[in-house]
Amino acid sequence: MFVVSLSSKIIKKIIAVMIAVCVPVGAVVLYQCFFSKNNIGAETVGDTVVADNGLLSFISGFGWEVIKEPDEIREIIIPVEFDDVYKNYNSIQIKQGYDLEKYAGERVKRWTFTVTNYPGYENEDFIKINILVYDGEVIGGDVCSVKLDGFMHGFAAE
């Protein structure tokens, strides 16, 4: 028989670490679970989907350099009621002048590009910029790392 005894301080630390890891991972999983592939409206050159110059200009306006071919273009539905993950994500949007609650229940496109000049991560493929577009207008988005211990913030460099 093997018995382990842990103090309440250690248990609290373990729970805090689990929450710190699960929230960002949960946000990524939520993104991946609720989005379906949709390339309607994107320009196609051969078999390659290329973003229009408007999105690339928008991105470069924040100082980001990206691979011009998007990693993906997905249609998503902004939920009618926001859970904690969406509330936290929307707080990022509000800080940068957007509010996803205005688009609750709407279908929007999420364009994802690889950022090639993020400080400390230059030329690595796990820094992404996501842009949410509704009716041809940017309504929000983020810059994030898709690594397990990643980060997420608004369009401007932090």
N, C-alpha and C. Protein backbone atom coordinates (compact mmCIF):
# COMPACT_ATOMS: atom_id res chain seq x y z
N MET A 1 0.85 -1.16 0.00
CA MET A 1 0.00 0.00 0.00
C MET A 1 0.90 1.24 0.00
N PHE A 2 0.47 2.25 -0.75
CA PHE A 2 1.23 3.49 -0.87
C PHE A 2 0.34 4.64 -0.44
N VAL A 3 0.76 5.42 0.55
CA VAL A 3 -0.04 6.52 1.07
C VAL A 3 0.73 7.82 0.88
N VAL A 4 0.02 8.85 0.39
CA VAL A 4 0.62 10.17 0.20
C VAL A 4 -0.15 11.17 1.04
N SER A 5 0.57 11.99 1.74
CA SER A 5 -0.07 13.01 2.56
C SER A 5 0.41 14.38 2.07
N LEU A 6 -0.52 15.29 1.81
CA LEU A 6 -0.18 16.62 1.33
C LEU A 6 -0.81 17.67 2.24
N SER A 7 -0.05 18.73 2.49
CA SER A 7 -0.62 19.82 3.30
C SER A 7 -1.57 20.65 2.46
N SER A 8 -2.41 21.42 3.10
CA SER A 8 -3.37 22.25 2.37
C SER A 8 -2.66 23.31 1.54
N LYS A 9 -1.49 23.78 1.98
CA LYS A 9 -0.74 24.77 1.20
C LYS A 9 -0.29 24.19 -0.13
N ILE A 10 0.17 22.97 -0.12
CA ILE A 10 0.63 22.33 -1.35
C ILE A 10 -0.55 22.06 -2.27
N ILE A 11 -1.65 21.63 -1.70
CA ILE A 11 -2.85 21.38 -2.52
C ILE A 11 -3.31 22.68 -3.18
N LYS A 12 -3.31 23.78 -2.45
CA LYS A 12 -3.70 25.08 -3.01
C LYS A 12 -2.76 25.48 -4.15
N LYS A 13 -1.47 25.24 -3.99
CA LYS A 13 -0.50 25.57 -5.04
C LYS A 13 -0.74 24.72 -6.29
N ILE A 14 -1.02 23.46 -6.09
CA ILE A 14 -1.30 22.56 -7.21
C ILE A 14 -2.55 23.02 -7.96
N ILE A 15 -3.58 23.39 -7.23
CA ILE A 15 -4.82 23.87 -7.85
C ILE A 15 -4.56 25.16 -8.61
N ALA A 16 -3.77 26.08 -8.04
CA ALA A 16 -3.46 27.35 -8.72
C ALA A 16 -2.71 27.10 -10.02
N VAL A 17 -1.76 26.18 -10.01
CA VAL A 17 -1.01 25.86 -11.23
C VAL A 17 -1.94 25.23 -12.27
N MET A 18 -2.81 24.35 -11.83
CA MET A 18 -3.73 23.71 -12.77
C MET A 18 -4.65 24.75 -13.41
N ILE A 19 -5.14 25.71 -12.65
CA ILE A 19 -6.00 26.77 -13.21
C ILE A 19 -5.21 27.62 -14.18
N ALA A 20 -3.97 27.97 -13.82
CA ALA A 20 -3.14 28.81 -14.69
C ALA A 20 -2.87 28.13 -16.02
N VAL A 21 -2.78 26.82 -16.04
CA VAL A 21 -2.54 26.09 -17.28
C VAL A 21 -3.84 25.85 -18.03
N CYS A 22 -4.91 25.52 -17.31
CA CYS A 22 -6.16 25.14 -17.96
C CYS A 22 -6.89 26.29 -18.65
N VAL A 23 -6.79 27.51 -18.12
CA VAL A 23 -7.51 28.64 -18.73
C VAL A 23 -7.00 28.92 -20.14
N PRO A 24 -5.67 29.11 -20.36
CA PRO A 24 -5.22 29.36 -21.74
C PRO A 24 -5.47 28.16 -22.66
N VAL A 25 -5.25 26.96 -22.14
CA VAL A 25 -5.49 25.77 -22.95
C VAL A 25 -6.97 25.67 -23.29
N GLY A 26 -7.83 25.97 -22.33
CA GLY A 26 -9.27 25.95 -22.58
C GLY A 26 -9.68 26.95 -23.64
N ALA A 27 -9.06 28.12 -23.65
CA ALA A 27 -9.36 29.12 -24.68
C ALA A 27 -9.00 28.60 -26.06
N VAL A 28 -7.84 27.97 -26.18
CA VAL A 28 -7.42 27.41 -27.47
C VAL A 28 -8.35 26.29 -27.89
N VAL A 29 -8.70 25.41 -26.96
CA VAL A 29 -9.60 24.30 -27.28
C VAL A 29 -10.97 24.83 -27.70
N LEU A 30 -11.46 25.85 -27.00
CA LEU A 30 -12.74 26.45 -27.36
C LEU A 30 -12.70 26.97 -28.78
N TYR A 31 -11.63 27.66 -29.12
CA TYR A 31 -11.48 28.15 -30.49
C TYR A 31 -11.57 27.00 -31.49
N GLN A 32 -10.83 25.94 -31.25
CA GLN A 32 -10.74 24.85 -32.20
C GLN A 32 -12.04 24.04 -32.28
N CYS A 33 -12.75 23.93 -31.18
CA CYS A 33 -13.97 23.12 -31.17
C CYS A 33 -15.14 23.77 -31.89
N PHE A 34 -15.23 25.09 -31.87
CA PHE A 34 -16.41 25.76 -32.38
C PHE A 34 -16.24 26.41 -33.74
N PHE A 35 -15.11 26.20 -34.38
CA PHE A 35 -14.89 26.85 -35.67
C PHE A 35 -14.93 25.80 -36.78
N SER A 36 -15.53 26.18 -37.88
CA SER A 36 -15.56 25.28 -39.04
C SER A 36 -14.91 25.99 -40.21
N LYS A 37 -14.22 25.23 -41.04
CA LYS A 37 -13.47 25.78 -42.17
C LYS A 37 -14.41 26.48 -43.14
N ASN A 38 -14.05 27.70 -43.57
CA ASN A 38 -14.84 28.44 -44.54
C ASN A 38 -13.93 29.45 -45.23
N ASN A 39 -13.65 29.22 -46.51
CA ASN A 39 -12.78 30.11 -47.25
C ASN A 39 -13.54 31.01 -48.20
N ILE A 40 -14.84 31.15 -48.04
CA ILE A 40 -15.64 31.98 -48.93
C ILE A 40 -15.18 33.42 -48.82
N GLY A 41 -14.96 34.06 -49.95
CA GLY A 41 -14.57 35.46 -49.96
C GLY A 41 -13.07 35.68 -49.96
N ALA A 42 -12.28 34.65 -49.74
CA ALA A 42 -10.84 34.80 -49.79
C ALA A 42 -10.37 34.70 -51.24
N GLU A 43 -9.30 35.40 -51.52
CA GLU A 43 -8.74 35.34 -52.87
C GLU A 43 -7.94 34.05 -53.00
N THR A 44 -8.12 33.32 -54.10
CA THR A 44 -7.39 32.07 -54.32
C THR A 44 -6.46 32.24 -55.49
N VAL A 45 -5.19 31.90 -55.28
CA VAL A 45 -4.19 31.92 -56.34
C VAL A 45 -3.68 30.49 -56.44
N GLY A 46 -4.07 29.79 -57.50
CA GLY A 46 -3.78 28.36 -57.58
C GLY A 46 -4.52 27.67 -56.47
N ASP A 47 -3.81 26.90 -55.64
CA ASP A 47 -4.42 26.23 -54.49
C ASP A 47 -4.19 27.01 -53.21
N THR A 48 -3.65 28.23 -53.30
CA THR A 48 -3.28 29.00 -52.13
C THR A 48 -4.31 30.08 -51.84
N VAL A 49 -4.72 30.18 -50.60
CA VAL A 49 -5.62 31.24 -50.18
C VAL A 49 -4.76 32.40 -49.70
N VAL A 50 -5.00 33.60 -50.24
CA VAL A 50 -4.20 34.77 -49.91
C VAL A 50 -5.12 35.84 -49.33
N ALA A 51 -4.69 36.47 -48.26
CA ALA A 51 -5.48 37.55 -47.65
C ALA A 51 -5.47 38.77 -48.55
N ASP A 52 -6.55 39.53 -48.48
CA ASP A 52 -6.57 40.77 -49.24
C ASP A 52 -5.62 41.78 -48.61
N ASN A 53 -5.25 42.81 -49.37
CA ASN A 53 -4.30 43.80 -48.88
C ASN A 53 -4.82 44.56 -47.69
N GLY A 54 -6.15 44.66 -47.54
CA GLY A 54 -6.72 45.36 -46.39
C GLY A 54 -6.33 44.72 -45.07
N LEU A 55 -6.42 43.41 -44.97
CA LEU A 55 -6.03 42.72 -43.73
C LEU A 55 -4.54 42.82 -43.49
N LEU A 56 -3.76 42.65 -44.55
CA LEU A 56 -2.31 42.73 -44.40
C LEU A 56 -1.89 44.14 -43.99
N SER A 57 -2.55 45.16 -44.52
CA SER A 57 -2.27 46.54 -44.11
C SER A 57 -2.66 46.77 -42.67
N PHE A 58 -3.81 46.23 -42.27
CA PHE A 58 -4.27 46.34 -40.88
C PHE A 58 -3.21 45.75 -39.94
N ILE A 59 -2.73 44.56 -40.26
CA ILE A 59 -1.74 43.87 -39.43
C ILE A 59 -0.45 44.68 -39.36
N SER A 60 0.03 45.14 -40.50
CA SER A 60 1.30 45.88 -40.52
C SER A 60 1.17 47.21 -39.79
N GLY A 61 -0.04 47.74 -39.68
CA GLY A 61 -0.26 48.97 -38.92
C GLY A 61 0.11 48.83 -37.45
N PHE A 62 0.13 47.62 -36.94
CA PHE A 62 0.54 47.37 -35.56
C PHE A 62 2.01 46.96 -35.47
N GLY A 63 2.67 46.95 -36.61
CA GLY A 63 4.09 46.61 -36.63
C GLY A 63 4.39 45.13 -36.83
N TRP A 64 3.37 44.32 -37.06
CA TRP A 64 3.58 42.88 -37.21
C TRP A 64 3.88 42.54 -38.66
N GLU A 65 4.78 41.61 -38.84
CA GLU A 65 5.05 41.02 -40.14
C GLU A 65 4.51 39.60 -40.09
N VAL A 66 3.82 39.20 -41.15
CA VAL A 66 3.20 37.88 -41.17
C VAL A 66 3.49 37.19 -42.49
N ILE A 67 3.33 35.87 -42.48
CA ILE A 67 3.33 35.12 -43.73
C ILE A 67 2.02 35.48 -44.43
N LYS A 68 2.10 35.89 -45.68
CA LYS A 68 0.92 36.43 -46.38
C LYS A 68 -0.19 35.41 -46.59
N GLU A 69 0.14 34.16 -46.63
CA GLU A 69 -0.89 33.13 -46.74
C GLU A 69 -1.41 32.82 -45.34
N PRO A 70 -2.72 32.97 -45.12
CA PRO A 70 -3.24 32.67 -43.78
C PRO A 70 -3.11 31.20 -43.43
N ASP A 71 -2.90 30.94 -42.15
CA ASP A 71 -2.87 29.56 -41.66
C ASP A 71 -4.24 28.93 -41.85
N GLU A 72 -5.27 29.72 -41.57
CA GLU A 72 -6.64 29.24 -41.76
C GLU A 72 -7.60 30.42 -41.78
N ILE A 73 -8.74 30.16 -42.37
CA ILE A 73 -9.87 31.09 -42.35
C ILE A 73 -11.05 30.24 -41.91
N ARG A 74 -11.64 30.61 -40.79
CA ARG A 74 -12.74 29.82 -40.26
C ARG A 74 -13.93 30.70 -39.96
N GLU A 75 -15.09 30.12 -40.13
CA GLU A 75 -16.31 30.79 -39.74
C GLU A 75 -16.62 30.36 -38.31
N ILE A 76 -16.91 31.33 -37.47
CA ILE A 76 -17.26 31.03 -36.08
C ILE A 76 -18.57 31.75 -35.75
N ILE A 77 -19.21 31.29 -34.72
CA ILE A 77 -20.42 31.95 -34.23
C ILE A 77 -20.09 32.52 -32.85
N ILE A 78 -20.25 33.83 -32.72
CA ILE A 78 -20.07 34.44 -31.41
C ILE A 78 -21.25 33.98 -30.55
N PRO A 79 -20.99 33.41 -29.38
CA PRO A 79 -22.11 32.88 -28.58
C PRO A 79 -23.06 33.99 -28.12
N VAL A 80 -24.30 33.62 -27.93
CA VAL A 80 -25.31 34.57 -27.45
C VAL A 80 -25.02 34.93 -26.00
N GLU A 81 -24.67 33.93 -25.20
CA GLU A 81 -24.30 34.17 -23.80
C GLU A 81 -22.84 33.81 -23.64
N PHE A 82 -22.07 34.72 -23.04
CA PHE A 82 -20.64 34.52 -22.86
C PHE A 82 -20.36 33.74 -21.58
N ASP A 83 -19.56 32.68 -21.71
CA ASP A 83 -19.06 31.99 -20.52
C ASP A 83 -17.82 32.75 -20.04
N ASP A 84 -17.14 32.23 -19.01
CA ASP A 84 -15.99 32.93 -18.45
C ASP A 84 -14.87 33.10 -19.47
N VAL A 85 -14.66 32.11 -20.33
CA VAL A 85 -13.60 32.20 -21.33
C VAL A 85 -13.90 33.36 -22.30
N TYR A 86 -15.12 33.43 -22.78
CA TYR A 86 -15.48 34.52 -23.70
C TYR A 86 -15.49 35.87 -23.00
N LYS A 87 -15.89 35.90 -21.72
CA LYS A 87 -15.85 37.16 -20.99
C LYS A 87 -14.42 37.66 -20.87
N ASN A 88 -13.50 36.76 -20.56
CA ASN A 88 -12.08 37.14 -20.47
C ASN A 88 -11.55 37.58 -21.83
N TYR A 89 -11.93 36.86 -22.89
CA TYR A 89 -11.48 37.22 -24.23
C TYR A 89 -12.06 38.58 -24.63
N ASN A 90 -13.33 38.81 -24.29
CA ASN A 90 -13.95 40.08 -24.63
C ASN A 90 -13.33 41.24 -23.86
N SER A 91 -12.80 40.98 -22.66
CA SER A 91 -12.13 42.05 -21.93
C SER A 91 -10.88 42.52 -22.69
N ILE A 92 -10.21 41.60 -23.38
CA ILE A 92 -9.08 41.98 -24.25
C ILE A 92 -9.60 42.87 -25.38
N GLN A 93 -10.75 42.49 -25.93
CA GLN A 93 -11.31 43.26 -27.05
C GLN A 93 -11.71 44.67 -26.60
N ILE A 94 -12.34 44.76 -25.45
CA ILE A 94 -12.79 46.06 -24.95
C ILE A 94 -11.60 46.98 -24.71
N LYS A 95 -10.48 46.44 -24.20
CA LYS A 95 -9.28 47.24 -23.98
C LYS A 95 -8.74 47.84 -25.27
N GLN A 96 -9.01 47.18 -26.39
CA GLN A 96 -8.49 47.70 -27.66
C GLN A 96 -9.59 48.34 -28.52
N GLY A 97 -10.73 48.63 -27.90
CA GLY A 97 -11.77 49.40 -28.58
C GLY A 97 -12.83 48.60 -29.32
N TYR A 98 -12.88 47.30 -29.09
CA TYR A 98 -13.90 46.45 -29.70
C TYR A 98 -14.79 45.88 -28.61
N ASP A 99 -15.92 45.32 -28.98
CA ASP A 99 -16.81 44.67 -28.02
C ASP A 99 -17.59 43.57 -28.76
N LEU A 100 -17.27 42.32 -28.48
CA LEU A 100 -17.90 41.21 -29.17
C LEU A 100 -19.36 41.00 -28.77
N GLU A 101 -19.79 41.57 -27.66
CA GLU A 101 -21.19 41.42 -27.25
C GLU A 101 -22.14 42.01 -28.30
N LYS A 102 -21.67 42.98 -29.05
CA LYS A 102 -22.49 43.57 -30.13
C LYS A 102 -22.79 42.54 -31.22
N TYR A 103 -21.98 41.50 -31.29
CA TYR A 103 -22.09 40.50 -32.36
C TYR A 103 -22.55 39.14 -31.84
N ALA A 104 -23.13 39.12 -30.65
CA ALA A 104 -23.60 37.87 -30.05
C ALA A 104 -24.58 37.18 -31.00
N GLY A 105 -24.32 35.91 -31.27
CA GLY A 105 -25.17 35.12 -32.16
C GLY A 105 -24.82 35.25 -33.63
N GLU A 106 -23.90 36.11 -33.99
CA GLU A 106 -23.54 36.34 -35.40
C GLU A 106 -22.43 35.40 -35.85
N ARG A 107 -22.44 35.11 -37.16
CA ARG A 107 -21.36 34.35 -37.79
C ARG A 107 -20.30 35.35 -38.25
N VAL A 108 -19.06 35.09 -37.87
CA VAL A 108 -17.95 35.95 -38.28
C VAL A 108 -16.82 35.08 -38.81
N LYS A 109 -15.90 35.69 -39.53
CA LYS A 109 -14.73 34.95 -40.01
C LYS A 109 -13.54 35.28 -39.13
N ARG A 110 -12.79 34.25 -38.83
CA ARG A 110 -11.53 34.42 -38.11
C ARG A 110 -10.39 34.09 -39.05
N TRP A 111 -9.56 35.09 -39.34
CA TRP A 111 -8.37 34.90 -40.16
C TRP A 111 -7.19 34.73 -39.20
N THR A 112 -6.38 33.69 -39.43
CA THR A 112 -5.22 33.43 -38.58
C THR A 112 -3.96 33.45 -39.44
N PHE A 113 -3.00 34.25 -39.01
CA PHE A 113 -1.71 34.37 -39.71
C PHE A 113 -0.59 34.07 -38.73
N THR A 114 0.56 33.63 -39.26
CA THR A 114 1.75 33.44 -38.45
C THR A 114 2.55 34.73 -38.42
N VAL A 115 2.86 35.20 -37.20
CA VAL A 115 3.67 36.40 -37.01
C VAL A 115 5.14 35.99 -37.05
N THR A 116 5.92 36.71 -37.85
CA THR A 116 7.33 36.34 -38.02
C THR A 116 8.30 37.27 -37.30
N ASN A 117 7.81 38.34 -36.67
CA ASN A 117 8.72 39.29 -36.03
C ASN A 117 8.36 39.59 -34.57
N TYR A 118 7.74 38.64 -33.87
CA TYR A 118 7.41 38.88 -32.47
C TYR A 118 8.70 38.87 -31.65
N PRO A 119 8.94 39.90 -30.83
CA PRO A 119 10.19 39.99 -30.06
C PRO A 119 10.45 38.74 -29.23
N GLY A 120 11.63 38.18 -29.42
CA GLY A 120 12.02 36.97 -28.70
C GLY A 120 11.57 35.68 -29.37
N TYR A 121 10.73 35.78 -30.40
CA TYR A 121 10.22 34.61 -31.08
C TYR A 121 10.35 34.75 -32.60
N GLU A 122 11.28 35.56 -33.06
CA GLU A 122 11.42 35.81 -34.49
C GLU A 122 11.57 34.49 -35.26
N ASN A 123 10.90 34.42 -36.39
CA ASN A 123 10.98 33.29 -37.31
C ASN A 123 10.56 31.96 -36.69
N GLU A 124 9.74 31.99 -35.67
CA GLU A 124 9.17 30.77 -35.11
C GLU A 124 7.70 30.73 -35.50
N ASP A 125 7.14 29.55 -35.66
CA ASP A 125 5.80 29.44 -36.23
C ASP A 125 4.67 29.29 -35.21
N PHE A 126 4.92 29.59 -33.94
CA PHE A 126 3.83 29.42 -32.98
C PHE A 126 3.29 30.74 -32.42
N ILE A 127 3.65 31.87 -33.03
CA ILE A 127 3.03 33.14 -32.68
C ILE A 127 2.02 33.47 -33.77
N LYS A 128 0.78 33.67 -33.39
CA LYS A 128 -0.31 33.87 -34.35
C LYS A 128 -1.01 35.20 -34.09
N ILE A 129 -1.59 35.74 -35.16
CA ILE A 129 -2.51 36.86 -35.02
C ILE A 129 -3.84 36.39 -35.59
N ASN A 130 -4.89 36.57 -34.80
CA ASN A 130 -6.25 36.21 -35.20
C ASN A 130 -7.03 37.49 -35.40
N ILE A 131 -7.72 37.59 -36.53
CA ILE A 131 -8.52 38.77 -36.82
C ILE A 131 -9.96 38.33 -37.06
N LEU A 132 -10.87 38.89 -36.30
CA LEU A 132 -12.30 38.58 -36.45
C LEU A 132 -12.91 39.64 -37.37
N VAL A 133 -13.59 39.16 -38.42
CA VAL A 133 -14.16 40.06 -39.43
C VAL A 133 -15.65 39.76 -39.57
N TYR A 134 -16.45 40.83 -39.51
CA TYR A 134 -17.89 40.72 -39.71
C TYR A 134 -18.30 41.72 -40.78
N ASP A 135 -18.92 41.24 -41.84
CA ASP A 135 -19.40 42.10 -42.92
C ASP A 135 -18.31 43.03 -43.43
N GLY A 136 -17.09 42.48 -43.59
CA GLY A 136 -15.97 43.24 -44.13
C GLY A 136 -15.29 44.17 -43.16
N GLU A 137 -15.67 44.14 -41.88
CA GLU A 137 -15.12 45.04 -40.88
C GLU A 137 -14.45 44.25 -39.77
N VAL A 138 -13.25 44.70 -39.34
CA VAL A 138 -12.57 44.06 -38.21
C VAL A 138 -13.36 44.38 -36.95
N ILE A 139 -13.71 43.33 -36.19
CA ILE A 139 -14.48 43.53 -34.95
C ILE A 139 -13.71 43.07 -33.71
N GLY A 140 -12.49 42.58 -33.90
CA GLY A 140 -11.69 42.14 -32.76
C GLY A 140 -10.60 41.19 -33.20
N GLY A 141 -9.89 40.68 -32.22
CA GLY A 141 -8.83 39.72 -32.50
C GLY A 141 -7.76 39.76 -31.43
N ASP A 142 -6.68 39.04 -31.70
CA ASP A 142 -5.62 38.92 -30.70
C ASP A 142 -4.32 38.49 -31.34
N VAL A 143 -3.26 38.63 -30.57
CA VAL A 143 -1.96 38.05 -30.88
C VAL A 143 -1.69 37.05 -29.77
N CYS A 144 -1.29 35.83 -30.15
CA CYS A 144 -1.12 34.80 -29.12
C CYS A 144 -0.02 33.82 -29.49
N SER A 145 0.43 33.11 -28.47
CA SER A 145 1.34 31.99 -28.65
C SER A 145 0.51 30.72 -28.49
N VAL A 146 0.69 29.78 -29.38
CA VAL A 146 -0.06 28.54 -29.28
C VAL A 146 0.70 27.47 -28.49
N LYS A 147 1.80 27.87 -27.86
CA LYS A 147 2.52 26.94 -26.99
C LYS A 147 1.71 26.75 -25.71
N LEU A 148 1.95 25.65 -25.01
CA LEU A 148 1.21 25.31 -23.79
C LEU A 148 1.29 26.42 -22.75
N ASP A 149 2.46 27.02 -22.58
CA ASP A 149 2.61 28.10 -21.60
C ASP A 149 2.51 29.47 -22.28
N GLY A 150 1.65 29.55 -23.29
CA GLY A 150 1.56 30.72 -24.15
C GLY A 150 0.94 31.94 -23.51
N PHE A 151 0.64 32.91 -24.36
CA PHE A 151 0.09 34.19 -23.93
C PHE A 151 -0.93 34.65 -24.96
N MET A 152 -1.69 35.67 -24.60
CA MET A 152 -2.65 36.27 -25.52
C MET A 152 -2.81 37.72 -25.13
N HIS A 153 -2.81 38.61 -26.12
CA HIS A 153 -3.07 40.02 -25.88
C HIS A 153 -3.68 40.64 -27.13
N GLY A 154 -4.03 41.90 -27.03
CA GLY A 154 -4.62 42.60 -28.17
C GLY A 154 -3.62 42.77 -29.31
N PHE A 155 -4.04 43.50 -30.33
CA PHE A 155 -3.21 43.66 -31.53
C PHE A 155 -1.90 44.38 -31.25
N ALA A 156 -1.90 45.37 -30.37
CA ALA A 156 -0.69 46.15 -30.09
C ALA A 156 0.32 45.32 -29.31
N ALA A 157 1.60 45.56 -29.58
CA ALA A 157 2.66 44.86 -28.84
C ALA A 157 2.62 45.28 -27.38
N GLU A 158 2.90 44.34 -26.50
CA GLU A 158 2.89 44.65 -25.07
C GLU A 158 4.28 44.78 -24.54
